[in-house]
Amino acid sequence: EPCHYTNLHENMSRIFEALSNQTGQFFRKISFKLIQYTKSGE
């Protein structure tokens, strides 16, 4: 079955929301879950 991948560039964009506009450095924590894929691509 087609695999239900995460959206890589949306993930990147979300991570970079934790950057400071002034310094270009990360300054806030982030949380997330990690995924694997099942036999059916879920």
PDB file of all heavy atoms in Angstrom:
ATOM      1  N   GLU A   1       0.838  -1.194   0.000  1.00  0.00           N
ATOM      2  CA  GLU A   1       0.000   0.000   0.000  1.00  0.00           C
ATOM      3  C   GLU A   1       0.879   1.253   0.000  1.00  0.00           C
ATOM      4  O   GLU A   1       2.020   1.224   0.482  1.00  0.00           O
ATOM      5  CB  GLU A   1      -0.884   0.022   1.255  1.00  0.00           C
ATOM      6  CG  GLU A   1      -1.844  -1.156   1.364  1.00  0.00           C
ATOM      7  CD  GLU A   1      -2.879  -1.156   0.258  1.00  0.00           C
ATOM      8  OE1 GLU A   1      -3.257  -0.054  -0.193  1.00  0.00           O
ATOM      9  OE2 GLU A   1      -3.309  -2.259  -0.148  1.00  0.00           O
ATOM     10  N   PRO A   2       0.369   2.370  -0.542  1.00  0.00           N
ATOM     11  CA  PRO A   2       1.138   3.626  -0.464  1.00  0.00           C
ATOM     12  C   PRO A   2       1.422   3.984   0.997  1.00  0.00           C
ATOM     13  O   PRO A   2       0.567   3.819   1.862  1.00  0.00           O
ATOM     14  CB  PRO A   2       0.195   4.655  -1.111  1.00  0.00           C
ATOM     15  CG  PRO A   2      -0.723   3.845  -1.970  1.00  0.00           C
ATOM     16  CD  PRO A   2      -0.903   2.540  -1.262  1.00  0.00           C
ATOM     17  N   CYS A   3       2.620   4.472   1.237  1.00  0.00           N
ATOM     18  CA  CYS A   3       3.028   4.800   2.603  1.00  0.00           C
ATOM     19  C   CYS A   3       2.562   6.212   2.987  1.00  0.00           C
ATOM     20  O   CYS A   3       2.644   7.135   2.183  1.00  0.00           O
ATOM     21  CB  CYS A   3       4.543   4.708   2.730  1.00  0.00           C
ATOM     22  SG  CYS A   3       5.129   4.792   4.436  1.00  0.00           S
ATOM     23  N   HIS A   4       2.072   6.361   4.192  1.00  0.00           N
ATOM     24  CA  HIS A   4       1.594   7.654   4.687  1.00  0.00           C
ATOM     25  C   HIS A   4       2.761   8.396   5.348  1.00  0.00           C
ATOM     26  O   HIS A   4       2.822   8.525   6.576  1.00  0.00           O
ATOM     27  CB  HIS A   4       0.450   7.447   5.677  1.00  0.00           C
ATOM     28  CG  HIS A   4      -0.790   6.921   5.050  1.00  0.00           C
ATOM     29  ND1 HIS A   4      -2.000   7.579   5.072  1.00  0.00           N
ATOM     30  CD2 HIS A   4      -1.014   5.788   4.330  1.00  0.00           C
ATOM     31  CE1 HIS A   4      -2.912   6.879   4.418  1.00  0.00           C
ATOM     32  NE2 HIS A   4      -2.337   5.786   3.967  1.00  0.00           N
ATOM     33  N   TYR A   5       3.681   8.876   4.523  1.00  0.00           N
ATOM     34  CA  TYR A   5       4.852   9.579   5.041  1.00  0.00           C
ATOM     35  C   TYR A   5       4.454  10.887   5.725  1.00  0.00           C
ATOM     36  O   TYR A   5       3.432  11.492   5.406  1.00  0.00           O
ATOM     37  CB  TYR A   5       5.822   9.924   3.900  1.00  0.00           C
ATOM     38  CG  TYR A   5       6.441   8.738   3.227  1.00  0.00           C
ATOM     39  CD1 TYR A   5       6.178   8.457   1.888  1.00  0.00           C
ATOM     40  CD2 TYR A   5       7.311   7.911   3.909  1.00  0.00           C
ATOM     41  CE1 TYR A   5       6.751   7.370   1.247  1.00  0.00           C
ATOM     42  CE2 TYR A   5       7.896   6.818   3.289  1.00  0.00           C
ATOM     43  CZ  TYR A   5       7.614   6.549   1.956  1.00  0.00           C
ATOM     44  OH  TYR A   5       8.187   5.485   1.340  1.00  0.00           O
ATOM     45  N   THR A   6       5.294  11.319   6.640  1.00  0.00           N
ATOM     46  CA  THR A   6       5.126  12.670   7.180  1.00  0.00           C
ATOM     47  C   THR A   6       5.593  13.664   6.113  1.00  0.00           C
ATOM     48  O   THR A   6       6.317  13.306   5.187  1.00  0.00           O
ATOM     49  CB  THR A   6       5.965  12.876   8.449  1.00  0.00           C
ATOM     50  OG1 THR A   6       7.345  12.604   8.158  1.00  0.00           O
ATOM     51  CG2 THR A   6       5.507  11.961   9.573  1.00  0.00           C
ATOM     52  N   ASN A   7       5.191  14.909   6.267  1.00  0.00           N
ATOM     53  CA  ASN A   7       5.582  15.947   5.313  1.00  0.00           C
ATOM     54  C   ASN A   7       6.893  16.563   5.799  1.00  0.00           C
ATOM     55  O   ASN A   7       6.929  17.290   6.790  1.00  0.00           O
ATOM     56  CB  ASN A   7       4.488  17.015   5.222  1.00  0.00           C
ATOM     57  CG  ASN A   7       4.718  17.969   4.070  1.00  0.00           C
ATOM     58  OD1 ASN A   7       5.778  18.562   3.961  1.00  0.00           O
ATOM     59  ND2 ASN A   7       3.724  18.129   3.227  1.00  0.00           N
ATOM     60  N   LEU A   8       7.975  16.264   5.075  1.00  0.00           N
ATOM     61  CA  LEU A   8       9.311  16.648   5.538  1.00  0.00           C
ATOM     62  C   LEU A   8       9.487  18.160   5.607  1.00  0.00           C
ATOM     63  O   LEU A   8      10.011  18.697   6.591  1.00  0.00           O
ATOM     64  CB  LEU A   8      10.370  16.027   4.627  1.00  0.00           C
ATOM     65  CG  LEU A   8      11.831  16.241   5.024  1.00  0.00           C
ATOM     66  CD1 LEU A   8      12.104  15.693   6.416  1.00  0.00           C
ATOM     67  CD2 LEU A   8      12.761  15.578   4.015  1.00  0.00           C
ATOM     68  N   HIS A   9       9.059  18.882   4.561  1.00  0.00           N
ATOM     69  CA  HIS A   9       9.322  20.320   4.613  1.00  0.00           C
ATOM     70  C   HIS A   9       8.401  21.032   5.605  1.00  0.00           C
ATOM     71  O   HIS A   9       8.764  22.055   6.175  1.00  0.00           O
ATOM     72  CB  HIS A   9       9.275  20.958   3.213  1.00  0.00           C
ATOM     73  CG  HIS A   9       7.933  21.140   2.604  1.00  0.00           C
ATOM     74  ND1 HIS A   9       7.424  20.304   1.665  1.00  0.00           N
ATOM     75  CD2 HIS A   9       6.992  22.090   2.805  1.00  0.00           C
ATOM     76  CE1 HIS A   9       6.230  20.719   1.289  1.00  0.00           C
ATOM     77  NE2 HIS A   9       5.934  21.801   1.968  1.00  0.00           N
ATOM     78  N   GLU A  10       7.223  20.463   5.889  1.00  0.00           N
ATOM     79  CA  GLU A  10       6.395  21.026   6.953  1.00  0.00           C
ATOM     80  C   GLU A  10       7.037  20.789   8.321  1.00  0.00           C
ATOM     81  O   GLU A  10       6.987  21.647   9.205  1.00  0.00           O
ATOM     82  CB  GLU A  10       4.990  20.412   6.913  1.00  0.00           C
ATOM     83  CG  GLU A  10       4.107  20.997   5.818  1.00  0.00           C
ATOM     84  CD  GLU A  10       2.689  20.456   5.881  1.00  0.00           C
ATOM     85  OE1 GLU A  10       2.364  19.769   6.874  1.00  0.00           O
ATOM     86  OE2 GLU A  10       1.922  20.724   4.945  1.00  0.00           O
ATOM     87  N   ASN A  11       7.640  19.622   8.506  1.00  0.00           N
ATOM     88  CA  ASN A  11       8.356  19.348   9.749  1.00  0.00           C
ATOM     89  C   ASN A  11       9.512  20.329   9.947  1.00  0.00           C
ATOM     90  O   ASN A  11       9.726  20.861  11.039  1.00  0.00           O
ATOM     91  CB  ASN A  11       8.883  17.917   9.755  1.00  0.00           C
ATOM     92  CG  ASN A  11       7.823  16.902  10.153  1.00  0.00           C
ATOM     93  OD1 ASN A  11       6.676  17.271  10.402  1.00  0.00           O
ATOM     94  ND2 ASN A  11       8.196  15.644  10.219  1.00  0.00           N
ATOM     95  N   MET A  12      10.265  20.551   8.867  1.00  0.00           N
ATOM     96  CA  MET A  12      11.376  21.499   8.948  1.00  0.00           C
ATOM     97  C   MET A  12      10.879  22.891   9.305  1.00  0.00           C
ATOM     98  O   MET A  12      11.448  23.585  10.156  1.00  0.00           O
ATOM     99  CB  MET A  12      12.123  21.542   7.610  1.00  0.00           C
ATOM    100  CG  MET A  12      12.945  20.318   7.311  1.00  0.00           C
ATOM    101  SD  MET A  12      14.464  20.246   8.271  1.00  0.00           S
ATOM    102  CE  MET A  12      15.394  21.565   7.486  1.00  0.00           C
ATOM    103  N   SER A  13       9.810  23.314   8.652  1.00  0.00           N
ATOM    104  CA  SER A  13       9.263  24.637   8.904  1.00  0.00           C
ATOM    105  C   SER A  13       8.816  24.775  10.353  1.00  0.00           C
ATOM    106  O   SER A  13       9.048  25.805  11.000  1.00  0.00           O
ATOM    107  CB  SER A  13       8.087  24.889   7.962  1.00  0.00           C
ATOM    108  OG  SER A  13       7.494  26.136   8.216  1.00  0.00           O
ATOM    109  N   ARG A  14       8.196  23.719  10.890  1.00  0.00           N
ATOM    110  CA  ARG A  14       7.724  23.751  12.279  1.00  0.00           C
ATOM    111  C   ARG A  14       8.898  23.835  13.252  1.00  0.00           C
ATOM    112  O   ARG A  14       8.861  24.597  14.233  1.00  0.00           O
ATOM    113  CB  ARG A  14       6.907  22.492  12.549  1.00  0.00           C
ATOM    114  CG  ARG A  14       6.132  22.526  13.855  1.00  0.00           C
ATOM    115  CD  ARG A  14       4.956  23.452  13.758  1.00  0.00           C
ATOM    116  NE  ARG A  14       4.193  23.465  14.989  1.00  0.00           N
ATOM    117  CZ  ARG A  14       3.755  24.551  15.589  1.00  0.00           C
ATOM    118  NH1 ARG A  14       4.004  25.735  15.075  1.00  0.00           N
ATOM    119  NH2 ARG A  14       3.046  24.485  16.685  1.00  0.00           N
ATOM    120  N   ILE A  15       9.934  23.079  12.988  1.00  0.00           N
ATOM    121  CA  ILE A  15      11.114  23.109  13.861  1.00  0.00           C
ATOM    122  C   ILE A  15      11.734  24.502  13.896  1.00  0.00           C
ATOM    123  O   ILE A  15      12.120  25.008  14.955  1.00  0.00           O
ATOM    124  CB  ILE A  15      12.148  22.059  13.390  1.00  0.00           C
ATOM    125  CG1 ILE A  15      11.646  20.647  13.693  1.00  0.00           C
ATOM    126  CG2 ILE A  15      13.510  22.281  14.048  1.00  0.00           C
ATOM    127  CD1 ILE A  15      12.429  19.544  13.021  1.00  0.00           C
ATOM    128  N   PHE A  16      11.786  25.136  12.725  1.00  0.00           N
ATOM    129  CA  PHE A  16      12.435  26.452  12.661  1.00  0.00           C
ATOM    130  C   PHE A  16      11.594  27.563  13.282  1.00  0.00           C
ATOM    131  O   PHE A  16      12.075  28.688  13.437  1.00  0.00           O
ATOM    132  CB  PHE A  16      12.818  26.786  11.218  1.00  0.00           C
ATOM    133  CG  PHE A  16      14.132  26.193  10.814  1.00  0.00           C
ATOM    134  CD1 PHE A  16      14.184  25.068  10.001  1.00  0.00           C
ATOM    135  CD2 PHE A  16      15.321  26.726  11.267  1.00  0.00           C
ATOM    136  CE1 PHE A  16      15.398  24.505   9.648  1.00  0.00           C
ATOM    137  CE2 PHE A  16      16.541  26.168  10.918  1.00  0.00           C
ATOM    138  CZ  PHE A  16      16.584  25.058  10.115  1.00  0.00           C
ATOM    139  N   GLU A  17      10.377  27.254  13.682  1.00  0.00           N
ATOM    140  CA  GLU A  17       9.610  28.227  14.452  1.00  0.00           C
ATOM    141  C   GLU A  17      10.212  28.432  15.841  1.00  0.00           C
ATOM    142  O   GLU A  17       9.907  29.413  16.522  1.00  0.00           O
ATOM    143  CB  GLU A  17       8.153  27.769  14.572  1.00  0.00           C
ATOM    144  CG  GLU A  17       7.359  27.901  13.282  1.00  0.00           C
ATOM    145  CD  GLU A  17       5.933  27.404  13.445  1.00  0.00           C
ATOM    146  OE1 GLU A  17       5.473  27.318  14.600  1.00  0.00           O
ATOM    147  OE2 GLU A  17       5.289  27.103  12.425  1.00  0.00           O
ATOM    148  N   ALA A  18      11.073  27.511  16.264  1.00  0.00           N
ATOM    149  CA  ALA A  18      11.731  27.635  17.573  1.00  0.00           C
ATOM    150  C   ALA A  18      12.984  28.503  17.507  1.00  0.00           C
ATOM    151  O   ALA A  18      13.689  28.663  18.499  1.00  0.00           O
ATOM    152  CB  ALA A  18      12.089  26.249  18.115  1.00  0.00           C
ATOM    153  N   LEU A  19      13.271  29.048  16.317  1.00  0.00           N
ATOM    154  CA  LEU A  19      14.442  29.928  16.163  1.00  0.00           C
ATOM    155  C   LEU A  19      14.106  31.355  16.571  1.00  0.00           C
ATOM    156  O   LEU A  19      12.995  31.833  16.383  1.00  0.00           O
ATOM    157  CB  LEU A  19      14.904  29.938  14.704  1.00  0.00           C
ATOM    158  CG  LEU A  19      15.681  28.748  14.168  1.00  0.00           C
ATOM    159  CD1 LEU A  19      15.930  28.933  12.678  1.00  0.00           C
ATOM    160  CD2 LEU A  19      17.003  28.581  14.890  1.00  0.00           C
ATOM    161  N   SER A  20      15.106  32.040  17.076  1.00  0.00           N
ATOM    162  CA  SER A  20      14.971  33.463  17.382  1.00  0.00           C
ATOM    163  C   SER A  20      15.094  34.276  16.106  1.00  0.00           C
ATOM    164  O   SER A  20      16.011  34.052  15.304  1.00  0.00           O
ATOM    165  CB  SER A  20      16.060  33.898  18.375  1.00  0.00           C
ATOM    166  OG  SER A  20      16.173  35.306  18.411  1.00  0.00           O
ATOM    167  N   ASN A  21      14.190  35.232  15.884  1.00  0.00           N
ATOM    168  CA  ASN A  21      14.264  36.108  14.712  1.00  0.00           C
ATOM    169  C   ASN A  21      15.482  37.020  14.763  1.00  0.00           C
ATOM    170  O   ASN A  21      15.995  37.448  13.731  1.00  0.00           O
ATOM    171  CB  ASN A  21      13.003  36.972  14.611  1.00  0.00           C
ATOM    172  CG  ASN A  21      11.779  36.146  14.250  1.00  0.00           C
ATOM    173  OD1 ASN A  21      11.888  35.120  13.585  1.00  0.00           O
ATOM    174  ND2 ASN A  21      10.623  36.590  14.698  1.00  0.00           N
ATOM    175  N   GLN A  22      15.936  37.321  15.968  1.00  0.00           N
ATOM    176  CA  GLN A  22      17.062  38.242  16.127  1.00  0.00           C
ATOM    177  C   GLN A  22      18.416  37.562  15.951  1.00  0.00           C
ATOM    178  O   GLN A  22      19.304  38.066  15.270  1.00  0.00           O
ATOM    179  CB  GLN A  22      17.020  38.923  17.516  1.00  0.00           C
ATOM    180  CG  GLN A  22      16.001  40.046  17.645  1.00  0.00           C
ATOM    181  CD  GLN A  22      14.575  39.516  17.697  1.00  0.00           C
ATOM    182  OE1 GLN A  22      14.314  38.495  18.317  1.00  0.00           O
ATOM    183  NE2 GLN A  22      13.652  40.198  17.026  1.00  0.00           N
ATOM    184  N   THR A  23      18.588  36.378  16.542  1.00  0.00           N
ATOM    185  CA  THR A  23      19.911  35.737  16.557  1.00  0.00           C
ATOM    186  C   THR A  23      20.036  34.577  15.586  1.00  0.00           C
ATOM    187  O   THR A  23      21.146  34.155  15.268  1.00  0.00           O
ATOM    188  CB  THR A  23      20.234  35.219  17.962  1.00  0.00           C
ATOM    189  OG1 THR A  23      19.307  34.156  18.292  1.00  0.00           O
ATOM    190  CG2 THR A  23      20.116  36.337  19.001  1.00  0.00           C
ATOM    191  N   GLY A  24      18.885  34.029  15.093  1.00  0.00           N
ATOM    192  CA  GLY A  24      18.971  32.857  14.229  1.00  0.00           C
ATOM    193  C   GLY A  24      19.382  31.607  14.979  1.00  0.00           C
ATOM    194  O   GLY A  24      19.808  30.626  14.375  1.00  0.00           O
ATOM    195  N   GLN A  25      19.259  31.629  16.317  1.00  0.00           N
ATOM    196  CA  GLN A  25      19.591  30.461  17.135  1.00  0.00           C
ATOM    197  C   GLN A  25      18.315  29.912  17.767  1.00  0.00           C
ATOM    198  O   GLN A  25      17.355  30.640  18.018  1.00  0.00           O
ATOM    199  CB  GLN A  25      20.576  30.834  18.237  1.00  0.00           C
ATOM    200  CG  GLN A  25      21.939  31.274  17.711  1.00  0.00           C
ATOM    201  CD  GLN A  25      22.869  31.642  18.859  1.00  0.00           C
ATOM    202  OE1 GLN A  25      22.436  32.178  19.871  1.00  0.00           O
ATOM    203  NE2 GLN A  25      24.145  31.371  18.690  1.00  0.00           N
ATOM    204  N   PHE A  26      18.323  28.608  18.024  1.00  0.00           N
ATOM    205  CA  PHE A  26      17.187  28.025  18.733  1.00  0.00           C
ATOM    206  C   PHE A  26      17.155  28.580  20.152  1.00  0.00           C
ATOM    207  O   PHE A  26      18.193  28.719  20.797  1.00  0.00           O
ATOM    208  CB  PHE A  26      17.311  26.500  18.776  1.00  0.00           C
ATOM    209  CG  PHE A  26      17.001  25.842  17.457  1.00  0.00           C
ATOM    210  CD1 PHE A  26      18.016  25.313  16.673  1.00  0.00           C
ATOM    211  CD2 PHE A  26      15.686  25.738  17.006  1.00  0.00           C
ATOM    212  CE1 PHE A  26      17.729  24.699  15.460  1.00  0.00           C
ATOM    213  CE2 PHE A  26      15.396  25.136  15.794  1.00  0.00           C
ATOM    214  CZ  PHE A  26      16.409  24.613  15.019  1.00  0.00           C
ATOM    215  N   PHE A  27      15.942  28.883  20.630  1.00  0.00           N
ATOM    216  CA  PHE A  27      15.832  29.402  21.997  1.00  0.00           C
ATOM    217  C   PHE A  27      14.604  28.853  22.731  1.00  0.00           C
ATOM    218  O   PHE A  27      14.348  29.228  23.861  1.00  0.00           O
ATOM    219  CB  PHE A  27      15.809  30.937  21.988  1.00  0.00           C
ATOM    220  CG  PHE A  27      14.503  31.546  21.544  1.00  0.00           C
ATOM    221  CD1 PHE A  27      13.759  32.343  22.418  1.00  0.00           C
ATOM    222  CD2 PHE A  27      14.008  31.331  20.267  1.00  0.00           C
ATOM    223  CE1 PHE A  27      12.557  32.902  22.019  1.00  0.00           C
ATOM    224  CE2 PHE A  27      12.812  31.897  19.852  1.00  0.00           C
ATOM    225  CZ  PHE A  27      12.080  32.685  20.737  1.00  0.00           C
ATOM    226  N   ARG A  28      13.860  27.955  22.086  1.00  0.00           N
ATOM    227  CA  ARG A  28      12.715  27.331  22.726  1.00  0.00           C
ATOM    228  C   ARG A  28      12.749  25.827  22.520  1.00  0.00           C
ATOM    229  O   ARG A  28      13.211  25.330  21.493  1.00  0.00           O
ATOM    230  CB  ARG A  28      11.410  27.918  22.163  1.00  0.00           C
ATOM    231  CG  ARG A  28      11.180  29.350  22.601  1.00  0.00           C
ATOM    232  CD  ARG A  28      10.143  30.040  21.748  1.00  0.00           C
ATOM    233  NE  ARG A  28       8.812  29.484  21.932  1.00  0.00           N
ATOM    234  CZ  ARG A  28       7.749  29.922  21.256  1.00  0.00           C
ATOM    235  NH1 ARG A  28       7.870  30.899  20.374  1.00  0.00           N
ATOM    236  NH2 ARG A  28       6.562  29.385  21.476  1.00  0.00           N
ATOM    237  N   LYS A  29      12.247  25.112  23.495  1.00  0.00           N
ATOM    238  CA  LYS A  29      12.178  23.658  23.393  1.00  0.00           C
ATOM    239  C   LYS A  29      11.078  23.249  22.416  1.00  0.00           C
ATOM    240  O   LYS A  29      10.152  24.018  22.143  1.00  0.00           O
ATOM    241  CB  LYS A  29      11.885  23.040  24.758  1.00  0.00           C
ATOM    242  CG  LYS A  29      13.088  22.987  25.693  1.00  0.00           C
ATOM    243  CD  LYS A  29      12.745  22.191  26.932  1.00  0.00           C
ATOM    244  CE  LYS A  29      14.021  21.939  27.754  1.00  0.00           C
ATOM    245  NZ  LYS A  29      13.718  21.142  28.961  1.00  0.00           N
ATOM    246  N   ILE A  30      11.192  22.039  21.902  1.00  0.00           N
ATOM    247  CA  ILE A  30      10.127  21.478  21.076  1.00  0.00           C
ATOM    248  C   ILE A  30       9.764  20.092  21.604  1.00  0.00           C
ATOM    249  O   ILE A  30      10.573  19.441  22.282  1.00  0.00           O
ATOM    250  CB  ILE A  30      10.518  21.387  19.582  1.00  0.00           C
ATOM    251  CG1 ILE A  30      11.634  20.351  19.370  1.00  0.00           C
ATOM    252  CG2 ILE A  30      10.924  22.731  19.025  1.00  0.00           C
ATOM    253  CD1 ILE A  30      11.842  19.993  17.919  1.00  0.00           C
ATOM    254  N   SER A  31       8.554  19.667  21.308  1.00  0.00           N
ATOM    255  CA  SER A  31       8.133  18.305  21.625  1.00  0.00           C
ATOM    256  C   SER A  31       7.660  17.631  20.341  1.00  0.00           C
ATOM    257  O   SER A  31       7.223  18.298  19.399  1.00  0.00           O
ATOM    258  CB  SER A  31       7.011  18.311  22.669  1.00  0.00           C
ATOM    259  OG  SER A  31       5.822  18.847  22.115  1.00  0.00           O
ATOM    260  N   PHE A  32       7.740  16.317  20.315  1.00  0.00           N
ATOM    261  CA  PHE A  32       7.309  15.570  19.132  1.00  0.00           C
ATOM    262  C   PHE A  32       7.189  14.093  19.486  1.00  0.00           C
ATOM    263  O   PHE A  32       7.652  13.647  20.545  1.00  0.00           O
ATOM    264  CB  PHE A  32       8.313  15.746  17.975  1.00  0.00           C
ATOM    265  CG  PHE A  32       9.725  15.362  18.323  1.00  0.00           C
ATOM    266  CD1 PHE A  32      10.173  14.055  18.176  1.00  0.00           C
ATOM    267  CD2 PHE A  32      10.597  16.317  18.818  1.00  0.00           C
ATOM    268  CE1 PHE A  32      11.475  13.708  18.509  1.00  0.00           C
ATOM    269  CE2 PHE A  32      11.904  15.978  19.161  1.00  0.00           C
ATOM    270  CZ  PHE A  32      12.342  14.676  19.002  1.00  0.00           C
ATOM    271  N   LYS A  33       6.555  13.364  18.591  1.00  0.00           N
ATOM    272  CA  LYS A  33       6.516  11.910  18.679  1.00  0.00           C
ATOM    273  C   LYS A  33       7.287  11.342  17.493  1.00  0.00           C
ATOM    274  O   LYS A  33       7.383  11.993  16.451  1.00  0.00           O
ATOM    275  CB  LYS A  33       5.066  11.405  18.651  1.00  0.00           C
ATOM    276  CG  LYS A  33       4.232  11.858  19.845  1.00  0.00           C
ATOM    277  CD  LYS A  33       2.799  11.371  19.710  1.00  0.00           C
ATOM    278  CE  LYS A  33       1.937  11.862  20.873  1.00  0.00           C
ATOM    279  NZ  LYS A  33       0.528  11.398  20.732  1.00  0.00           N
ATOM    280  N   LEU A  34       7.827  10.146  17.651  1.00  0.00           N
ATOM    281  CA  LEU A  34       8.504   9.462  16.555  1.00  0.00           C
ATOM    282  C   LEU A  34       7.591   8.362  16.018  1.00  0.00           C
ATOM    283  O   LEU A  34       6.850   7.737  16.782  1.00  0.00           O
ATOM    284  CB  LEU A  34       9.831   8.866  17.014  1.00  0.00           C
ATOM    285  CG  LEU A  34      10.950   9.867  17.308  1.00  0.00           C
ATOM    286  CD1 LEU A  34      12.172   9.143  17.856  1.00  0.00           C
ATOM    287  CD2 LEU A  34      11.332  10.663  16.066  1.00  0.00           C
ATOM    288  N   ILE A  35       7.645   8.157  14.712  1.00  0.00           N
ATOM    289  CA  ILE A  35       6.767   7.165  14.092  1.00  0.00           C
ATOM    290  C   ILE A  35       7.552   6.071  13.386  1.00  0.00           C
ATOM    291  O   ILE A  35       8.724   6.235  13.026  1.00  0.00           O
ATOM    292  CB  ILE A  35       5.809   7.825  13.079  1.00  0.00           C
ATOM    293  CG1 ILE A  35       6.613   8.469  11.945  1.00  0.00           C
ATOM    294  CG2 ILE A  35       4.895   8.826  13.746  1.00  0.00           C
ATOM    295  CD1 ILE A  35       5.772   8.839  10.751  1.00  0.00           C
ATOM    296  N   GLN A  36       6.882   4.949  13.215  1.00  0.00           N
ATOM    297  CA  GLN A  36       7.324   3.873  12.332  1.00  0.00           C
ATOM    298  C   GLN A  36       6.153   3.593  11.389  1.00  0.00           C
ATOM    299  O   GLN A  36       5.090   4.200  11.526  1.00  0.00           O
ATOM    300  CB  GLN A  36       7.675   2.627  13.145  1.00  0.00           C
ATOM    301  CG  GLN A  36       8.860   2.819  14.082  1.00  0.00           C
ATOM    302  CD  GLN A  36       9.066   1.629  14.995  1.00  0.00           C
ATOM    303  OE1 GLN A  36       8.113   1.104  15.552  1.00  0.00           O
ATOM    304  NE2 GLN A  36      10.316   1.217  15.163  1.00  0.00           N
ATOM    305  N   TYR A  37       6.344   2.666  10.431  1.00  0.00           N
ATOM    306  CA  TYR A  37       5.282   2.365   9.475  1.00  0.00           C
ATOM    307  C   TYR A  37       4.875   0.901   9.579  1.00  0.00           C
ATOM    308  O   TYR A  37       5.722   0.013   9.724  1.00  0.00           O
ATOM    309  CB  TYR A  37       5.732   2.700   8.058  1.00  0.00           C
ATOM    310  CG  TYR A  37       6.020   4.168   7.872  1.00  0.00           C
ATOM    311  CD1 TYR A  37       7.324   4.648   7.820  1.00  0.00           C
ATOM    312  CD2 TYR A  37       4.974   5.089   7.796  1.00  0.00           C
ATOM    313  CE1 TYR A  37       7.580   6.001   7.681  1.00  0.00           C
ATOM    314  CE2 TYR A  37       5.228   6.444   7.651  1.00  0.00           C
ATOM    315  CZ  TYR A  37       6.533   6.891   7.604  1.00  0.00           C
ATOM    316  OH  TYR A  37       6.767   8.241   7.478  1.00  0.00           O
ATOM    317  N   THR A  38       3.585   0.668   9.495  1.00  0.00           N
ATOM    318  CA  THR A  38       3.061  -0.691   9.581  1.00  0.00           C
ATOM    319  C   THR A  38       3.105  -1.371   8.217  1.00  0.00           C
ATOM    320  O   THR A  38       3.487  -0.756   7.211  1.00  0.00           O
ATOM    321  CB  THR A  38       1.597  -0.673  10.074  1.00  0.00           C
ATOM    322  OG1 THR A  38       0.785  -0.035   9.062  1.00  0.00           O
ATOM    323  CG2 THR A  38       1.466   0.094  11.382  1.00  0.00           C
ATOM    324  N   LYS A  39       2.690  -2.611   8.195  1.00  0.00           N
ATOM    325  CA  LYS A  39       2.639  -3.390   6.951  1.00  0.00           C
ATOM    326  C   LYS A  39       1.803  -2.694   5.883  1.00  0.00           C
ATOM    327  O   LYS A  39       2.110  -2.769   4.687  1.00  0.00           O
ATOM    328  CB  LYS A  39       2.062  -4.767   7.265  1.00  0.00           C
ATOM    329  CG  LYS A  39       1.852  -5.672   6.074  1.00  0.00           C
ATOM    330  CD  LYS A  39       1.250  -6.989   6.523  1.00  0.00           C
ATOM    331  CE  LYS A  39       0.935  -7.896   5.340  1.00  0.00           C
ATOM    332  NZ  LYS A  39       0.352  -9.186   5.783  1.00  0.00           N
ATOM    333  N   SER A  40       0.741  -1.989   6.299  1.00  0.00           N
ATOM    334  CA  SER A  40      -0.144  -1.318   5.343  1.00  0.00           C
ATOM    335  C   SER A  40       0.293   0.116   5.055  1.00  0.00           C
ATOM    336  O   SER A  40      -0.440   0.874   4.413  1.00  0.00           O
ATOM    337  CB  SER A  40      -1.574  -1.320   5.876  1.00  0.00           C
ATOM    338  OG  SER A  40      -1.641  -0.674   7.140  1.00  0.00           O
ATOM    339  N   GLY A  41       1.479   0.518   5.525  1.00  0.00           N
ATOM    340  CA  GLY A  41       1.988   1.862   5.255  1.00  0.00           C
ATOM    341  C   GLY A  41       1.415   2.927   6.173  1.00  0.00           C
ATOM    342  O   GLY A  41       1.661   4.127   5.969  1.00  0.00           O
ATOM    343  N   GLU A  42       0.664   2.522   7.213  1.00  0.00           N
ATOM    344  CA  GLU A  42       0.116   3.484   8.165  1.00  0.00           C
ATOM    345  C   GLU A  42       1.182   3.859   9.199  1.00  0.00           C
ATOM    346  O   GLU A  42       2.108   3.109   9.458  1.00  0.00           O
ATOM    347  CB  GLU A  42      -1.107   2.884   8.883  1.00  0.00           C
ATOM    348  CG  GLU A  42      -2.239   2.476   7.967  1.00  0.00           C
ATOM    349  CD  GLU A  42      -2.974   3.669   7.382  1.00  0.00           C
ATOM    350  OE1 GLU A  42      -2.876   4.766   7.966  1.00  0.00           O
ATOM    351  OE2 GLU A  42      -3.659   3.498   6.347  1.00  0.00           O
TER     352      GLU A  42
END
